[in-house]
Amino acid sequence: AILHKFTRSKIARVAAGARHSLALTEGGDLFSWGGNECGQLGYENKGGRKFVGYPKRIETIRATRIRASAVNSLAVLPSGKVFV
């Protein structure tokens, strides 16, 4: 699996949007990749890149649950707050 190159943790959940995907590890690490036209990957792409072709960890977030829709992503934080 492609995520094995980026993390040794087991993947607990996966969510797919229209042009992007999310993966959540058992430890709460969140990875995103794909289209970022609306900022749905959770981080700013420097240089105007609107597509990330590999899983990139969102380092500022630890999550317990994830969801993805056509143009956004949601992550439930351990505190219960929702990151959109």
N, C-alpha and C. Protein backbone atom coordinates (compact mmCIF):
# COMPACT_ATOMS: atom_id res chain seq x y z
N ALA A 1 0.84 -1.20 0.00
CA ALA A 1 0.00 0.00 0.00
C ALA A 1 0.87 1.24 0.00
N ILE A 2 0.42 2.25 -0.66
CA ILE A 2 1.21 3.47 -0.79
C ILE A 2 1.46 4.16 0.55
N LEU A 3 0.51 4.09 1.48
CA LEU A 3 0.71 4.75 2.77
C LEU A 3 1.81 4.10 3.59
N HIS A 4 2.13 2.86 3.33
CA HIS A 4 3.19 2.18 4.07
C HIS A 4 4.53 2.90 3.90
N LYS A 5 4.71 3.60 2.80
CA LYS A 5 5.95 4.36 2.59
C LYS A 5 6.02 5.60 3.47
N PHE A 6 4.87 6.06 3.99
CA PHE A 6 4.83 7.29 4.75
C PHE A 6 4.58 7.09 6.24
N THR A 7 4.06 5.94 6.62
CA THR A 7 3.80 5.66 8.03
C THR A 7 3.88 4.16 8.28
N ARG A 8 4.29 3.80 9.47
CA ARG A 8 4.32 2.39 9.87
C ARG A 8 3.05 2.03 10.64
N SER A 9 2.23 3.02 10.95
CA SER A 9 1.00 2.78 11.70
C SER A 9 -0.06 2.13 10.83
N LYS A 10 -0.95 1.39 11.47
CA LYS A 10 -2.06 0.79 10.75
C LYS A 10 -3.11 1.85 10.42
N ILE A 11 -3.68 1.72 9.23
CA ILE A 11 -4.72 2.64 8.81
C ILE A 11 -6.05 2.16 9.40
N ALA A 12 -6.73 3.06 10.13
CA ALA A 12 -7.98 2.71 10.79
C ALA A 12 -9.20 3.08 9.96
N ARG A 13 -9.11 4.22 9.24
CA ARG A 13 -10.25 4.71 8.45
C ARG A 13 -9.75 5.38 7.18
N VAL A 14 -10.57 5.30 6.16
CA VAL A 14 -10.30 5.97 4.89
C VAL A 14 -11.58 6.68 4.47
N ALA A 15 -11.43 7.89 3.91
CA ALA A 15 -12.58 8.64 3.39
C ALA A 15 -12.20 9.18 2.02
N ALA A 16 -13.17 9.19 1.11
CA ALA A 16 -12.91 9.66 -0.25
C ALA A 16 -13.91 10.73 -0.65
N GLY A 17 -13.37 11.82 -1.19
CA GLY A 17 -14.19 12.87 -1.76
C GLY A 17 -14.22 12.70 -3.27
N ALA A 18 -14.63 13.74 -3.98
CA ALA A 18 -14.71 13.66 -5.43
C ALA A 18 -13.33 13.53 -6.07
N ARG A 19 -12.35 14.31 -5.56
CA ARG A 19 -11.01 14.28 -6.14
C ARG A 19 -9.92 14.23 -5.07
N HIS A 20 -10.27 13.87 -3.86
CA HIS A 20 -9.27 13.79 -2.80
C HIS A 20 -9.61 12.63 -1.87
N SER A 21 -8.61 12.22 -1.08
CA SER A 21 -8.79 11.12 -0.13
C SER A 21 -8.12 11.45 1.19
N LEU A 22 -8.61 10.81 2.24
CA LEU A 22 -8.07 10.95 3.58
C LEU A 22 -7.81 9.57 4.15
N ALA A 23 -6.81 9.47 4.99
CA ALA A 23 -6.54 8.23 5.72
C ALA A 23 -6.18 8.60 7.15
N LEU A 24 -6.74 7.85 8.09
CA LEU A 24 -6.52 8.08 9.51
C LEU A 24 -5.87 6.84 10.11
N THR A 25 -4.76 7.03 10.81
CA THR A 25 -4.09 5.89 11.43
C THR A 25 -4.72 5.58 12.78
N GLU A 26 -4.42 4.41 13.30
CA GLU A 26 -4.92 4.03 14.63
C GLU A 26 -4.46 5.01 15.70
N GLY A 27 -3.31 5.64 15.49
CA GLY A 27 -2.78 6.59 16.46
C GLY A 27 -3.30 8.01 16.29
N GLY A 28 -4.15 8.25 15.29
CA GLY A 28 -4.74 9.58 15.11
C GLY A 28 -4.05 10.45 14.09
N ASP A 29 -3.01 9.95 13.43
CA ASP A 29 -2.37 10.74 12.38
C ASP A 29 -3.28 10.79 11.16
N LEU A 30 -3.36 11.96 10.55
CA LEU A 30 -4.25 12.17 9.41
C LEU A 30 -3.42 12.49 8.17
N PHE A 31 -3.69 11.78 7.09
CA PHE A 31 -3.03 11.98 5.81
C PHE A 31 -4.07 12.38 4.77
N SER A 32 -3.67 13.25 3.84
CA SER A 32 -4.57 13.63 2.75
C SER A 32 -3.78 13.72 1.45
N TRP A 33 -4.48 13.54 0.33
CA TRP A 33 -3.85 13.66 -0.98
C TRP A 33 -4.95 13.81 -2.03
N GLY A 34 -4.55 14.29 -3.20
CA GLY A 34 -5.50 14.48 -4.30
C GLY A 34 -5.68 15.95 -4.62
N GLY A 35 -6.87 16.30 -5.10
CA GLY A 35 -7.17 17.67 -5.49
C GLY A 35 -7.34 18.58 -4.28
N ASN A 36 -6.84 19.80 -4.38
CA ASN A 36 -6.91 20.76 -3.28
C ASN A 36 -7.45 22.10 -3.77
N GLU A 37 -8.34 22.05 -4.74
CA GLU A 37 -8.87 23.29 -5.33
C GLU A 37 -9.59 24.16 -4.30
N CYS A 38 -10.22 23.55 -3.32
CA CYS A 38 -10.99 24.30 -2.31
C CYS A 38 -10.36 24.23 -0.94
N GLY A 39 -9.10 23.80 -0.87
CA GLY A 39 -8.41 23.68 0.42
C GLY A 39 -8.80 22.45 1.21
N GLN A 40 -9.42 21.48 0.55
CA GLN A 40 -9.95 20.31 1.25
C GLN A 40 -8.89 19.37 1.80
N LEU A 41 -7.63 19.56 1.44
CA LEU A 41 -6.58 18.68 1.97
C LEU A 41 -6.14 19.09 3.38
N GLY A 42 -6.53 20.27 3.82
CA GLY A 42 -6.23 20.68 5.19
C GLY A 42 -4.93 21.43 5.35
N TYR A 43 -4.25 21.75 4.27
CA TYR A 43 -3.02 22.54 4.34
C TYR A 43 -2.88 23.35 3.07
N GLU A 44 -2.10 24.40 3.18
CA GLU A 44 -1.87 25.29 2.05
C GLU A 44 -0.80 24.70 1.14
N ASN A 45 -1.07 24.73 -0.14
CA ASN A 45 -0.08 24.28 -1.11
C ASN A 45 0.73 25.48 -1.58
N LYS A 46 1.98 25.47 -1.26
CA LYS A 46 2.86 26.54 -1.70
C LYS A 46 3.11 26.40 -3.20
N GLY A 47 3.22 27.49 -3.89
CA GLY A 47 3.51 27.45 -5.32
C GLY A 47 2.28 27.23 -6.19
N GLY A 48 1.09 27.31 -5.60
CA GLY A 48 -0.13 27.20 -6.38
C GLY A 48 -0.49 25.80 -6.83
N ARG A 49 0.18 24.78 -6.29
CA ARG A 49 -0.16 23.40 -6.67
C ARG A 49 -1.56 23.07 -6.16
N LYS A 50 -2.39 22.58 -7.05
CA LYS A 50 -3.75 22.23 -6.67
C LYS A 50 -3.97 20.73 -6.63
N PHE A 51 -2.90 19.95 -6.78
CA PHE A 51 -3.01 18.50 -6.71
C PHE A 51 -1.77 17.94 -6.02
N VAL A 52 -1.99 17.09 -5.05
CA VAL A 52 -0.90 16.41 -4.34
C VAL A 52 -1.05 14.92 -4.63
N GLY A 53 -0.06 14.34 -5.28
CA GLY A 53 -0.15 12.98 -5.74
C GLY A 53 0.32 11.92 -4.76
N TYR A 54 0.62 12.30 -3.54
CA TYR A 54 1.09 11.34 -2.53
C TYR A 54 0.48 11.70 -1.17
N PRO A 55 0.32 10.75 -0.28
CA PRO A 55 -0.23 11.05 1.04
C PRO A 55 0.71 11.97 1.82
N LYS A 56 0.15 13.05 2.32
CA LYS A 56 0.92 14.01 3.11
C LYS A 56 0.25 14.13 4.48
N ARG A 57 1.03 14.02 5.52
CA ARG A 57 0.50 14.10 6.89
C ARG A 57 0.14 15.54 7.22
N ILE A 58 -1.04 15.71 7.81
CA ILE A 58 -1.44 17.02 8.32
C ILE A 58 -0.91 17.08 9.75
N GLU A 59 0.21 17.73 9.92
CA GLU A 59 0.95 17.65 11.18
C GLU A 59 0.29 18.36 12.34
N THR A 60 -0.62 19.29 12.07
CA THR A 60 -1.24 20.07 13.15
C THR A 60 -2.51 19.42 13.69
N ILE A 61 -2.88 18.25 13.16
CA ILE A 61 -4.15 17.63 13.57
C ILE A 61 -3.95 16.18 14.01
N ARG A 62 -4.59 15.85 15.12
CA ARG A 62 -4.77 14.46 15.54
C ARG A 62 -6.28 14.27 15.54
N ALA A 63 -6.74 13.17 15.01
CA ALA A 63 -8.18 12.98 14.85
C ALA A 63 -8.63 11.62 15.34
N THR A 64 -9.94 11.50 15.55
CA THR A 64 -10.53 10.23 15.93
C THR A 64 -11.46 9.70 14.84
N ARG A 65 -12.00 10.60 14.02
CA ARG A 65 -12.90 10.22 12.92
C ARG A 65 -12.68 11.17 11.76
N ILE A 66 -13.01 10.72 10.55
CA ILE A 66 -12.88 11.56 9.36
C ILE A 66 -14.06 11.35 8.43
N ARG A 67 -14.33 12.37 7.62
CA ARG A 67 -15.33 12.31 6.55
C ARG A 67 -14.83 13.18 5.42
N ALA A 68 -15.25 12.86 4.21
CA ALA A 68 -14.91 13.66 3.04
C ALA A 68 -16.15 13.79 2.17
N SER A 69 -16.32 14.96 1.57
CA SER A 69 -17.39 15.15 0.59
C SER A 69 -16.75 15.64 -0.69
N ALA A 70 -17.54 16.09 -1.62
CA ALA A 70 -17.01 16.51 -2.92
C ALA A 70 -15.92 17.57 -2.78
N VAL A 71 -16.14 18.57 -1.93
CA VAL A 71 -15.19 19.69 -1.87
C VAL A 71 -14.71 20.03 -0.46
N ASN A 72 -14.95 19.16 0.53
CA ASN A 72 -14.40 19.47 1.85
C ASN A 72 -14.07 18.20 2.60
N SER A 73 -13.39 18.39 3.72
CA SER A 73 -13.00 17.29 4.60
C SER A 73 -13.34 17.68 6.02
N LEU A 74 -13.68 16.69 6.83
CA LEU A 74 -13.98 16.91 8.25
C LEU A 74 -13.15 15.94 9.08
N ALA A 75 -12.66 16.42 10.20
CA ALA A 75 -11.95 15.57 11.14
C ALA A 75 -12.47 15.88 12.54
N VAL A 76 -12.83 14.85 13.28
CA VAL A 76 -13.24 15.03 14.67
C VAL A 76 -12.00 14.89 15.52
N LEU A 77 -11.71 15.91 16.31
CA LEU A 77 -10.53 15.93 17.17
C LEU A 77 -10.83 15.18 18.48
N PRO A 78 -9.81 14.76 19.21
CA PRO A 78 -10.04 14.06 20.48
C PRO A 78 -10.89 14.87 21.47
N SER A 79 -10.85 16.19 21.36
CA SER A 79 -11.64 17.05 22.25
C SER A 79 -13.12 17.06 21.87
N GLY A 80 -13.46 16.51 20.70
CA GLY A 80 -14.83 16.53 20.22
C GLY A 80 -15.10 17.65 19.22
N LYS A 81 -14.17 18.58 19.13
CA LYS A 81 -14.32 19.67 18.17
C LYS A 81 -14.14 19.12 16.76
N VAL A 82 -14.74 19.80 15.78
CA VAL A 82 -14.67 19.37 14.40
C VAL A 82 -13.81 20.35 13.60
N PHE A 83 -12.85 19.83 12.89
CA PHE A 83 -12.00 20.62 11.99
C PHE A 83 -12.55 20.45 10.58
N VAL A 84 -12.86 21.58 9.93
CA VAL A 84 -13.39 21.56 8.56
C VAL A 84 -12.36 22.17 7.64
